Protein backbone atom coordinates (compact mmCIF):
# COMPACT_ATOMS: atom_id res chain seq x y z
CA UNK A 1 10.03 61.25 -6.29
CA UNK A 2 9.67 57.71 -7.66
CA UNK A 3 11.01 58.24 -11.17
CA UNK A 4 14.02 56.55 -12.69
CA UNK A 5 15.75 58.15 -15.68
CA UNK A 6 17.98 55.84 -17.72
CA UNK A 7 19.66 55.97 -21.10
CA UNK A 8 18.94 53.14 -23.55
CA UNK A 9 22.24 51.36 -22.83
CA UNK A 10 21.66 51.27 -19.06
CA UNK A 11 18.06 50.14 -19.56
CA UNK A 12 19.32 47.36 -21.83
CA UNK A 13 21.93 46.28 -19.24
CA UNK A 14 19.29 46.09 -16.51
CA UNK A 15 16.95 44.25 -18.85
CA UNK A 16 19.68 41.68 -19.54
CA UNK A 17 20.33 41.20 -15.84
CA UNK A 18 16.59 40.85 -15.17
CA UNK A 19 16.28 38.13 -17.82
CA UNK A 20 19.48 36.33 -16.68
CA UNK A 21 21.24 37.21 -19.95
CA UNK A 22 24.31 38.72 -18.29
CA UNK A 23 27.44 37.15 -16.86
CA UNK A 24 27.15 35.70 -13.35
CA UNK A 25 26.47 36.38 -10.62
CA UNK A 26 22.77 36.33 -11.43
CA UNK A 27 20.17 38.27 -9.43
CA UNK A 28 18.29 36.75 -6.52
CA UNK A 29 14.47 36.72 -6.69
CA UNK A 30 14.35 39.88 -4.54
CA UNK A 31 16.92 41.65 -6.72
CA UNK A 32 14.94 40.66 -9.83
CA UNK A 33 11.80 42.19 -8.28
CA UNK A 34 13.65 45.43 -7.58
CA UNK A 35 15.11 45.54 -11.10
CA UNK A 36 11.66 44.80 -12.53
CA UNK A 37 10.24 47.75 -10.58
CA UNK A 38 12.98 50.02 -11.96
CA UNK A 39 12.44 48.80 -15.55
CA UNK A 40 8.69 49.32 -15.28
CA UNK A 41 8.97 52.83 -13.86
CA UNK A 42 11.96 54.02 -15.90
CA UNK A 43 11.78 56.85 -18.37
CA UNK A 44 14.25 55.92 -21.12
CA UNK A 45 16.20 58.42 -23.18
CA UNK A 46 18.21 57.99 -26.40
CA UNK A 47 21.80 56.86 -26.01
CA UNK A 48 23.07 60.33 -26.92
CA UNK A 49 21.34 61.80 -23.90
CA UNK A 50 23.94 62.13 -21.14
CA UNK A 51 21.60 62.44 -18.16
CA UNK A 52 24.42 64.23 -16.34
CA UNK A 53 22.51 64.50 -13.08
CA UNK A 54 21.25 60.87 -12.89
CA UNK A 55 23.19 57.76 -11.84
CA UNK A 56 23.92 55.10 -14.43
CA UNK A 57 26.41 52.33 -15.02
CA UNK A 58 30.09 53.22 -14.52
CA UNK A 59 29.19 56.51 -12.86
CA UNK A 60 30.87 57.56 -9.63
CA UNK A 61 28.15 58.39 -7.11
CA UNK A 62 28.75 60.44 -3.97
CA UNK A 63 26.26 59.96 -1.14
CA UNK A 64 26.09 62.03 2.05
CA UNK A 65 24.38 61.11 5.30
CA UNK A 66 21.43 63.21 6.37
CA UNK A 67 22.39 62.75 10.03
CA UNK A 68 26.18 63.19 9.94
CA UNK A 69 27.88 65.58 7.52
CA UNK A 70 31.18 63.68 7.90
CA UNK A 71 29.56 60.42 6.76
CA UNK A 72 29.80 60.00 3.00
CA UNK A 73 30.10 57.10 0.59
CA UNK A 74 31.74 57.24 -2.85
CA UNK A 75 31.42 54.33 -5.27
CA UNK A 76 31.00 53.40 -8.92
CA UNK A 77 27.92 51.42 -10.10
CA UNK A 78 29.05 48.47 -12.25
CA UNK A 79 27.81 45.21 -13.75
CA UNK A 80 27.95 42.29 -11.30
CA UNK A 81 30.96 40.64 -12.98
CA UNK A 82 32.92 43.94 -12.76
CA UNK A 83 32.43 44.49 -9.03
CA UNK A 84 35.50 45.05 -6.87
CA UNK A 85 34.77 46.63 -3.46
CA UNK A 86 38.48 47.29 -2.90
CA UNK A 87 38.34 49.59 -5.95
CA UNK A 88 34.96 51.09 -4.92
CA UNK A 89 33.26 49.35 -7.87
CA UNK A 90 29.92 48.17 -6.47
CA UNK A 91 27.64 45.72 -8.28
CA UNK A 92 24.28 47.01 -9.43
CA UNK A 93 22.83 44.01 -7.56
CA UNK A 94 23.75 45.49 -4.17
CA UNK A 95 21.08 47.37 -2.22
CA UNK A 96 22.93 50.70 -2.44
CA UNK A 97 23.40 50.50 -6.22
CA UNK A 98 19.78 49.49 -6.76
CA UNK A 99 18.80 52.48 -4.64
CA UNK A 100 20.73 55.00 -6.78
CA UNK A 101 20.49 53.67 -10.35
CA UNK A 102 18.43 56.08 -12.43
CA UNK A 103 18.09 58.56 -9.56
CA UNK A 104 19.14 62.19 -9.67
CA UNK A 105 21.33 64.52 -7.67
CA UNK A 106 19.46 65.74 -4.59
CA UNK A 107 17.41 62.55 -4.25
CA UNK A 108 17.34 60.90 -0.83
CA UNK A 109 17.71 57.15 -1.27
CA UNK A 110 17.19 54.37 1.25
CA UNK A 111 18.30 50.73 1.40
CA UNK A 112 18.67 47.91 3.91
CA UNK A 113 22.17 47.62 5.37
CA UNK A 114 23.43 45.66 8.36
CA UNK A 115 19.91 44.89 9.55
CA UNK A 116 18.72 48.50 9.41
CA UNK A 117 17.55 51.16 7.01
CA UNK A 118 20.24 53.47 5.65
CA UNK A 119 19.30 56.85 4.14
CA UNK A 120 21.64 59.13 2.24
CA UNK A 121 21.37 61.94 -0.28
CA UNK A 122 22.94 61.84 -3.75
CA UNK A 123 25.18 64.90 -3.72
CA UNK A 124 27.11 64.38 -6.95
CA UNK A 125 27.47 62.08 -9.92
CA UNK A 126 30.67 61.94 -11.95
CA UNK A 127 30.17 60.49 -15.42
CA UNK A 128 32.66 58.22 -17.11
CA UNK A 129 32.61 58.56 -20.89
CA UNK A 130 31.30 55.47 -22.60
CA UNK A 131 33.84 53.67 -24.80
CA UNK A 132 32.13 54.86 -27.99
CA UNK A 133 32.60 58.53 -27.04
CA UNK A 134 35.96 58.33 -25.25
CA UNK A 135 38.59 60.38 -27.00
CA UNK A 136 36.11 62.24 -29.18
CA UNK A 137 36.79 65.99 -29.00
């Protein structure tokens, strides 16, 4: 499956990064190509659409290894300026975040890591309410 499903806000954030309109750090040429591929292929939904089963900004993503059931990786996809690996907030410019953004639960994603190809399956996505809907009953 090569589709990317994004809400309008996440599409806009990626668009801003692609066009160097966001806070530094700015994307490398390779990262820009990857973001461009995502933007071109993305199916965009209205802001009110939650896309509960697809990864977006500020979502906690849980990945599991296909080869080792004890190998998992939990992180939150964030804007580059908000990244803090110690807090498991990983910039969208990293290979793993670019691999999961817009992808759904059950998708096997792959990215380059430590000189090799890493493959894991998205097993869950935990949404964080956006500021405009936080606290609304």
